[in-house]
Amino acid sequence: MPVIVVATVKPLPEHRDEVKGAFTAAIEQVHGEDGCELYALQENDDRFVMIEKWASQDAVQTHGGSPALAKLGAELKGKIVGGLDVVYLQPVPAGDAAKGAL
């Protein structure tokens, strides 16, 4: 069963561009990881939100120990408010199959 992950981070205003750059640099590597079905960065005025879809819990666990994620964590140090807010979700398909699930 797929696993959906929503990770939210608030950059310190003076580090916004650096935080965005760190995420965008990691995306290409993460897209190449086994089981990555979606890894998409979204933004608004005060935060970045990474919406992820993984083929399985095993793929999420492997990603958690990946070099890309380790590098991203190091690059975010001292540049964000608090830490990452990470939520793991299971899909609940409903309605049109193409529109009711990631």
N, C-alpha and C. Protein backbone atom coordinates (compact mmCIF):
# COMPACT_ATOMS: atom_id res chain seq x y z
N MET A 1 0.85 -1.18 0.00
CA MET A 1 0.00 0.00 0.00
C MET A 1 0.90 1.24 0.00
N PRO A 2 0.55 2.24 -0.79
CA PRO A 2 1.37 3.46 -0.83
C PRO A 2 1.30 4.23 0.48
N VAL A 3 2.33 5.01 0.71
CA VAL A 3 2.40 5.87 1.89
C VAL A 3 2.55 7.30 1.39
N ILE A 4 1.72 8.19 1.93
CA ILE A 4 1.78 9.60 1.61
C ILE A 4 2.48 10.31 2.77
N VAL A 5 3.40 11.19 2.45
CA VAL A 5 4.11 11.95 3.46
C VAL A 5 3.95 13.43 3.13
N VAL A 6 3.62 14.21 4.15
CA VAL A 6 3.54 15.66 4.00
C VAL A 6 4.51 16.25 5.02
N ALA A 7 5.55 16.92 4.51
CA ALA A 7 6.57 17.51 5.38
C ALA A 7 6.55 19.02 5.20
N THR A 8 6.40 19.74 6.30
CA THR A 8 6.30 21.19 6.27
C THR A 8 7.48 21.79 7.03
N VAL A 9 8.05 22.84 6.47
CA VAL A 9 9.16 23.54 7.11
C VAL A 9 8.97 25.04 6.92
N LYS A 10 9.28 25.79 7.99
CA LYS A 10 9.23 27.25 7.91
C LYS A 10 10.67 27.77 7.93
N PRO A 11 11.12 28.36 6.84
CA PRO A 11 12.47 28.91 6.82
C PRO A 11 12.54 30.22 7.60
N LEU A 12 13.70 30.49 8.18
CA LEU A 12 13.93 31.82 8.71
C LEU A 12 13.93 32.76 7.50
N PRO A 13 13.29 33.92 7.60
CA PRO A 13 13.15 34.80 6.44
C PRO A 13 14.46 35.08 5.70
N GLU A 14 15.54 35.27 6.43
CA GLU A 14 16.82 35.58 5.80
C GLU A 14 17.46 34.38 5.10
N HIS A 15 16.90 33.17 5.31
CA HIS A 15 17.45 31.96 4.70
C HIS A 15 16.48 31.31 3.71
N ARG A 16 15.40 31.99 3.38
CA ARG A 16 14.37 31.40 2.51
C ARG A 16 14.95 30.85 1.21
N ASP A 17 15.75 31.63 0.52
CA ASP A 17 16.30 31.19 -0.77
C ASP A 17 17.23 29.99 -0.60
N GLU A 18 18.00 29.97 0.48
CA GLU A 18 18.90 28.85 0.73
C GLU A 18 18.11 27.56 1.02
N VAL A 19 17.05 27.69 1.80
CA VAL A 19 16.21 26.53 2.12
C VAL A 19 15.56 25.99 0.85
N LYS A 20 15.03 26.89 0.04
CA LYS A 20 14.42 26.48 -1.23
C LYS A 20 15.46 25.79 -2.11
N GLY A 21 16.64 26.34 -2.18
CA GLY A 21 17.71 25.74 -2.98
C GLY A 21 18.10 24.37 -2.49
N ALA A 22 18.14 24.18 -1.17
CA ALA A 22 18.49 22.87 -0.61
C ALA A 22 17.45 21.83 -1.00
N PHE A 23 16.19 22.21 -0.90
CA PHE A 23 15.13 21.26 -1.29
C PHE A 23 15.18 20.95 -2.78
N THR A 24 15.30 21.97 -3.60
CA THR A 24 15.28 21.71 -5.04
C THR A 24 16.49 20.89 -5.48
N ALA A 25 17.62 21.06 -4.81
CA ALA A 25 18.80 20.25 -5.14
C ALA A 25 18.59 18.79 -4.76
N ALA A 26 17.85 18.54 -3.69
CA ALA A 26 17.62 17.16 -3.24
C ALA A 26 16.61 16.43 -4.11
N ILE A 27 15.73 17.16 -4.75
CA ILE A 27 14.62 16.53 -5.47
C ILE A 27 15.11 15.56 -6.55
N GLU A 28 16.08 15.94 -7.35
CA GLU A 28 16.54 15.06 -8.42
C GLU A 28 17.07 13.75 -7.87
N GLN A 29 17.83 13.80 -6.78
CA GLN A 29 18.35 12.58 -6.18
C GLN A 29 17.21 11.72 -5.65
N VAL A 30 16.27 12.34 -4.95
CA VAL A 30 15.17 11.58 -4.35
C VAL A 30 14.29 10.96 -5.43
N HIS A 31 14.08 11.65 -6.53
CA HIS A 31 13.28 11.08 -7.62
C HIS A 31 13.89 9.78 -8.12
N GLY A 32 15.19 9.59 -7.97
CA GLY A 32 15.86 8.37 -8.40
C GLY A 32 15.83 7.24 -7.38
N GLU A 33 15.30 7.49 -6.19
CA GLU A 33 15.24 6.45 -5.17
C GLU A 33 14.15 5.44 -5.49
N ASP A 34 14.44 4.18 -5.19
CA ASP A 34 13.46 3.11 -5.38
C ASP A 34 12.21 3.39 -4.56
N GLY A 35 11.07 3.28 -5.20
CA GLY A 35 9.80 3.45 -4.50
C GLY A 35 9.27 4.86 -4.45
N CYS A 36 10.03 5.84 -4.95
CA CYS A 36 9.56 7.23 -4.97
C CYS A 36 8.58 7.40 -6.13
N GLU A 37 7.34 7.71 -5.81
CA GLU A 37 6.32 7.92 -6.83
C GLU A 37 5.97 9.40 -6.99
N LEU A 38 6.23 10.19 -5.96
CA LEU A 38 5.98 11.62 -6.00
C LEU A 38 6.82 12.28 -4.92
N TYR A 39 7.50 13.35 -5.29
CA TYR A 39 8.29 14.14 -4.33
C TYR A 39 8.25 15.55 -4.88
N ALA A 40 7.27 16.34 -4.42
CA ALA A 40 6.95 17.62 -5.05
C ALA A 40 6.92 18.74 -4.02
N LEU A 41 7.70 19.78 -4.27
CA LEU A 41 7.80 20.92 -3.36
C LEU A 41 6.75 21.96 -3.70
N GLN A 42 6.09 22.45 -2.66
CA GLN A 42 5.09 23.50 -2.78
C GLN A 42 5.51 24.63 -1.84
N GLU A 43 5.04 25.85 -2.08
CA GLU A 43 5.40 26.95 -1.19
C GLU A 43 4.27 27.95 -1.05
N ASN A 44 4.33 28.71 0.04
CA ASN A 44 3.54 29.92 0.19
C ASN A 44 4.44 30.95 0.85
N ASP A 45 3.88 32.00 1.40
CA ASP A 45 4.70 33.11 1.90
C ASP A 45 5.65 32.73 3.03
N ASP A 46 5.25 31.78 3.89
CA ASP A 46 6.07 31.52 5.07
C ASP A 46 6.54 30.08 5.24
N ARG A 47 6.26 29.21 4.28
CA ARG A 47 6.65 27.81 4.46
C ARG A 47 6.81 27.09 3.14
N PHE A 48 7.48 25.96 3.24
CA PHE A 48 7.59 25.00 2.13
C PHE A 48 6.92 23.72 2.57
N VAL A 49 6.23 23.07 1.64
CA VAL A 49 5.56 21.81 1.93
C VAL A 49 5.98 20.81 0.87
N MET A 50 6.55 19.70 1.32
CA MET A 50 6.93 18.61 0.43
C MET A 50 5.82 17.56 0.50
N ILE A 51 5.23 17.27 -0.64
CA ILE A 51 4.21 16.23 -0.73
C ILE A 51 4.85 15.04 -1.41
N GLU A 52 4.81 13.90 -0.72
CA GLU A 52 5.50 12.71 -1.18
C GLU A 52 4.55 11.52 -1.29
N LYS A 53 4.85 10.65 -2.22
CA LYS A 53 4.14 9.38 -2.31
C LYS A 53 5.19 8.30 -2.53
N TRP A 54 5.15 7.30 -1.66
CA TRP A 54 6.10 6.20 -1.70
C TRP A 54 5.34 4.89 -1.93
N ALA A 55 5.96 3.98 -2.63
CA ALA A 55 5.32 2.71 -2.98
C ALA A 55 5.02 1.85 -1.75
N SER A 56 5.81 2.02 -0.68
CA SER A 56 5.64 1.17 0.50
C SER A 56 6.30 1.82 1.71
N GLN A 57 5.99 1.26 2.87
CA GLN A 57 6.64 1.72 4.09
C GLN A 57 8.14 1.46 4.04
N ASP A 58 8.54 0.35 3.43
CA ASP A 58 9.97 0.04 3.28
C ASP A 58 10.68 1.13 2.48
N ALA A 59 10.04 1.62 1.43
CA ALA A 59 10.64 2.69 0.62
C ALA A 59 10.80 3.96 1.44
N VAL A 60 9.82 4.27 2.28
CA VAL A 60 9.91 5.46 3.15
C VAL A 60 11.07 5.30 4.12
N GLN A 61 11.20 4.12 4.69
CA GLN A 61 12.29 3.88 5.65
C GLN A 61 13.65 3.99 4.97
N THR A 62 13.77 3.46 3.77
CA THR A 62 15.03 3.57 3.04
C THR A 62 15.34 5.04 2.75
N HIS A 63 14.33 5.79 2.34
CA HIS A 63 14.50 7.22 2.08
C HIS A 63 14.98 7.94 3.33
N GLY A 64 14.46 7.54 4.48
CA GLY A 64 14.84 8.18 5.74
C GLY A 64 16.33 8.08 6.05
N GLY A 65 17.00 7.07 5.51
CA GLY A 65 18.43 6.92 5.71
C GLY A 65 19.26 7.25 4.49
N SER A 66 18.63 7.89 3.51
CA SER A 66 19.32 8.15 2.24
C SER A 66 20.34 9.28 2.35
N PRO A 67 21.37 9.24 1.50
CA PRO A 67 22.34 10.34 1.47
C PRO A 67 21.68 11.69 1.14
N ALA A 68 20.69 11.68 0.27
CA ALA A 68 20.02 12.94 -0.11
C ALA A 68 19.35 13.58 1.10
N LEU A 69 18.69 12.77 1.91
CA LEU A 69 18.00 13.31 3.08
C LEU A 69 19.00 13.76 4.15
N ALA A 70 20.08 13.03 4.30
CA ALA A 70 21.13 13.44 5.26
C ALA A 70 21.73 14.78 4.86
N LYS A 71 22.01 14.95 3.58
CA LYS A 71 22.57 16.21 3.09
C LYS A 71 21.57 17.35 3.27
N LEU A 72 20.31 17.08 2.95
CA LEU A 72 19.27 18.11 3.11
C LEU A 72 19.19 18.54 4.57
N GLY A 73 19.18 17.60 5.49
CA GLY A 73 19.11 17.93 6.91
C GLY A 73 20.26 18.81 7.35
N ALA A 74 21.46 18.49 6.87
CA ALA A 74 22.63 19.29 7.21
C ALA A 74 22.52 20.70 6.64
N GLU A 75 22.00 20.82 5.43
CA GLU A 75 21.87 22.13 4.80
C GLU A 75 20.79 23.00 5.44
N LEU A 76 19.80 22.37 6.08
CA LEU A 76 18.72 23.12 6.72
C LEU A 76 19.09 23.59 8.12
N LYS A 77 20.11 23.00 8.72
CA LYS A 77 20.49 23.30 10.09
C LYS A 77 20.73 24.80 10.27
N GLY A 78 20.02 25.37 11.25
CA GLY A 78 20.17 26.79 11.55
C GLY A 78 19.44 27.73 10.62
N LYS A 79 18.68 27.17 9.67
CA LYS A 79 18.01 28.01 8.67
C LYS A 79 16.49 27.92 8.71
N ILE A 80 15.97 27.10 9.66
CA ILE A 80 14.53 26.91 9.74
C ILE A 80 14.04 27.17 11.16
N VAL A 81 12.75 27.46 11.27
CA VAL A 81 12.11 27.66 12.56
C VAL A 81 11.73 26.29 13.08
N GLY A 82 12.31 25.89 14.21
CA GLY A 82 12.02 24.57 14.75
C GLY A 82 12.55 23.49 13.83
N GLY A 83 11.80 22.43 13.68
CA GLY A 83 12.21 21.33 12.80
C GLY A 83 11.18 21.09 11.73
N LEU A 84 11.36 20.00 11.02
CA LEU A 84 10.38 19.59 10.03
C LEU A 84 9.14 19.04 10.73
N ASP A 85 7.98 19.38 10.24
CA ASP A 85 6.73 18.78 10.71
C ASP A 85 6.37 17.72 9.67
N VAL A 86 6.51 16.46 10.02
CA VAL A 86 6.31 15.37 9.07
C VAL A 86 5.10 14.54 9.50
N VAL A 87 4.18 14.32 8.55
CA VAL A 87 2.98 13.53 8.79
C VAL A 87 2.95 12.40 7.77
N TYR A 88 2.74 11.17 8.26
CA TYR A 88 2.63 9.99 7.40
C TYR A 88 1.16 9.61 7.29
N LEU A 89 0.69 9.41 6.07
CA LEU A 89 -0.73 9.17 5.82
C LEU A 89 -0.95 7.93 4.95
N GLN A 90 -2.10 7.32 5.12
CA GLN A 90 -2.53 6.23 4.26
C GLN A 90 -3.67 6.77 3.39
N PRO A 91 -3.67 6.47 2.09
CA PRO A 91 -4.73 6.97 1.22
C PRO A 91 -6.10 6.40 1.57
N VAL A 92 -7.11 7.23 1.38
CA VAL A 92 -8.50 6.81 1.49
C VAL A 92 -9.15 7.19 0.16
N PRO A 93 -9.03 6.32 -0.85
CA PRO A 93 -9.59 6.65 -2.16
C PRO A 93 -11.11 6.85 -2.09
N ALA A 94 -11.58 7.84 -2.81
CA ALA A 94 -13.01 8.11 -2.85
C ALA A 94 -13.33 8.85 -4.14
N GLY A 95 -14.54 8.70 -4.61
CA GLY A 95 -14.96 9.40 -5.82
C GLY A 95 -14.24 8.89 -7.05
N ASP A 96 -13.97 9.79 -7.98
CA ASP A 96 -13.28 9.48 -9.22
C ASP A 96 -11.87 8.96 -8.89
N ALA A 97 -11.51 7.79 -9.37
CA ALA A 97 -10.24 7.16 -9.05
C ALA A 97 -9.04 8.05 -9.44
N ALA A 98 -9.18 8.82 -10.51
CA ALA A 98 -8.09 9.68 -10.97
C ALA A 98 -7.97 10.95 -10.12
N LYS A 99 -9.04 11.31 -9.44
CA LYS A 99 -9.04 12.55 -8.67
C LYS A 99 -9.12 12.33 -7.16
N GLY A 100 -9.44 11.13 -6.74
CA GLY A 100 -9.68 10.86 -5.32
C GLY A 100 -8.51 10.29 -4.57
N ALA A 101 -7.36 10.13 -5.22
CA ALA A 101 -6.18 9.60 -4.54
C ALA A 101 -4.93 10.10 -5.22
N LEU A 102 -3.88 10.23 -4.44
CA LEU A 102 -2.56 10.60 -5.02
C LEU A 102 -1.94 9.36 -5.62
